[in-house]
Amino acid sequence: MAVPLKEKRASTLVLVALVGILIGSYLNSIMEGAMPPGVVKTFFTYSIPFGVGDFVNNQPLLINLSAIKLQFGFMIKFSFLSIIGLFISLYLFRWYR
């Protein structure tokens, strides 16, 4: 029997979601090396980067306030397999007590 979401901690939900995305991205990297070139490989391994900063040139976002300099960098690559990993982990989270 599934436990209601009210009784579960939000930090556990975030951790489970991140683990699902990481497992999906790991499966994505395995599929890139294991599958022959073609449409199916492109579909499963195509990723869309999302984040803050310039990741093409590997430069984080720089905020220069003269006395203080702040650098921020954050990126997530979403692919089909990372979304599948996220949904599977959230489905399994339903049964977590």
Protein backbone atom coordinates (compact mmCIF):
# COMPACT_ATOMS: atom_id res chain seq x y z
CA MET A 1 0.00 0.00 0.00
CA ALA A 2 1.37 3.41 -0.97
CA VAL A 3 2.18 5.89 1.77
CA PRO A 4 0.54 9.34 1.36
CA LEU A 5 2.87 12.08 0.16
CA LYS A 6 2.09 14.22 3.24
CA GLU A 7 3.95 11.76 5.44
CA LYS A 8 7.13 11.85 3.32
CA ARG A 9 9.85 14.46 3.52
CA ALA A 10 10.42 16.85 0.63
CA SER A 11 14.20 16.43 0.89
CA THR A 12 13.79 12.70 0.28
CA LEU A 13 11.68 13.44 -2.79
CA VAL A 14 14.35 15.77 -4.20
CA LEU A 15 17.08 13.20 -3.49
CA VAL A 16 15.10 10.43 -5.20
CA ALA A 17 14.47 12.68 -8.23
CA LEU A 18 18.18 13.54 -8.54
CA VAL A 19 19.18 9.88 -8.24
CA GLY A 20 16.69 9.00 -10.98
CA ILE A 21 18.13 11.68 -13.28
CA LEU A 22 21.69 10.49 -12.56
CA ILE A 23 20.82 6.85 -13.29
CA GLY A 24 19.11 7.92 -16.52
CA SER A 25 22.13 9.96 -17.61
CA TYR A 26 24.41 7.02 -16.81
CA LEU A 27 22.21 4.79 -18.99
CA ASN A 28 22.41 7.49 -21.66
CA SER A 29 26.21 7.32 -21.68
CA ILE A 30 26.11 3.50 -21.85
CA MET A 31 23.68 3.63 -24.79
CA GLU A 32 25.93 6.10 -26.64
CA GLY A 33 28.73 3.57 -26.67
CA ALA A 34 26.67 0.42 -27.14
CA MET A 35 24.24 1.29 -29.94
CA PRO A 36 25.10 1.52 -33.63
CA PRO A 37 24.62 4.93 -35.29
CA GLY A 38 21.09 5.67 -36.42
CA VAL A 39 17.78 7.26 -35.61
CA VAL A 40 17.15 5.16 -32.50
CA LYS A 41 20.53 6.07 -31.01
CA THR A 42 19.91 9.75 -31.75
CA PHE A 43 16.46 9.58 -30.13
CA PHE A 44 17.67 7.94 -26.93
CA THR A 45 20.94 9.86 -26.53
CA TYR A 46 20.05 13.40 -27.66
CA SER A 47 20.34 15.71 -24.67
CA ILE A 48 19.23 19.29 -24.05
CA PRO A 49 21.48 21.30 -21.71
CA PHE A 50 19.86 23.59 -19.17
CA GLY A 51 21.76 25.78 -16.74
CA VAL A 52 23.41 29.01 -15.71
CA GLY A 53 26.71 30.03 -17.29
CA ASP A 54 28.53 29.54 -20.59
CA PHE A 55 29.17 25.82 -20.83
CA VAL A 56 30.39 25.87 -24.41
CA ASN A 57 33.55 27.69 -23.31
CA ASN A 58 33.45 26.26 -19.77
CA GLN A 59 32.95 29.68 -18.15
CA PRO A 60 30.63 30.13 -15.16
CA LEU A 61 28.46 33.21 -14.72
CA LEU A 62 30.65 35.96 -13.21
CA ILE A 63 29.20 38.82 -11.17
CA ASN A 64 31.83 41.49 -10.50
CA LEU A 65 30.89 43.91 -7.73
CA SER A 66 34.39 45.44 -7.52
CA ALA A 67 34.98 44.32 -3.92
CA ILE A 68 33.34 40.93 -4.33
CA LYS A 69 33.37 38.60 -7.30
CA LEU A 70 30.82 35.82 -7.46
CA GLN A 71 30.88 32.86 -9.83
CA PHE A 72 27.89 30.64 -10.46
CA GLY A 73 27.68 27.57 -12.61
CA PHE A 74 24.98 24.95 -12.86
CA MET A 75 23.98 22.64 -15.69
CA ILE A 76 21.65 19.69 -16.17
CA LYS A 77 21.46 17.73 -19.40
CA PHE A 78 18.02 16.31 -20.00
CA SER A 79 17.68 13.33 -22.30
CA PHE A 80 14.94 10.82 -22.93
CA LEU A 81 16.61 8.26 -20.68
CA SER A 82 17.10 10.74 -17.83
CA ILE A 83 13.38 11.57 -17.95
CA ILE A 84 12.57 7.83 -17.93
CA GLY A 85 14.91 7.39 -14.92
CA LEU A 86 13.17 10.28 -13.17
CA PHE A 87 9.71 8.77 -13.69
CA ILE A 88 10.83 5.31 -12.56
CA SER A 89 12.44 6.69 -9.41
CA LEU A 90 9.33 8.75 -8.59
CA TYR A 91 7.13 5.71 -9.17
CA LEU A 92 9.29 3.66 -6.80
CA PHE A 93 9.18 6.55 -4.31
CA ARG A 94 5.44 6.01 -4.02
CA TRP A 95 6.12 2.69 -2.31
CA TYR A 96 8.87 4.02 0.00
CA ARG A 97 7.93 4.19 3.69
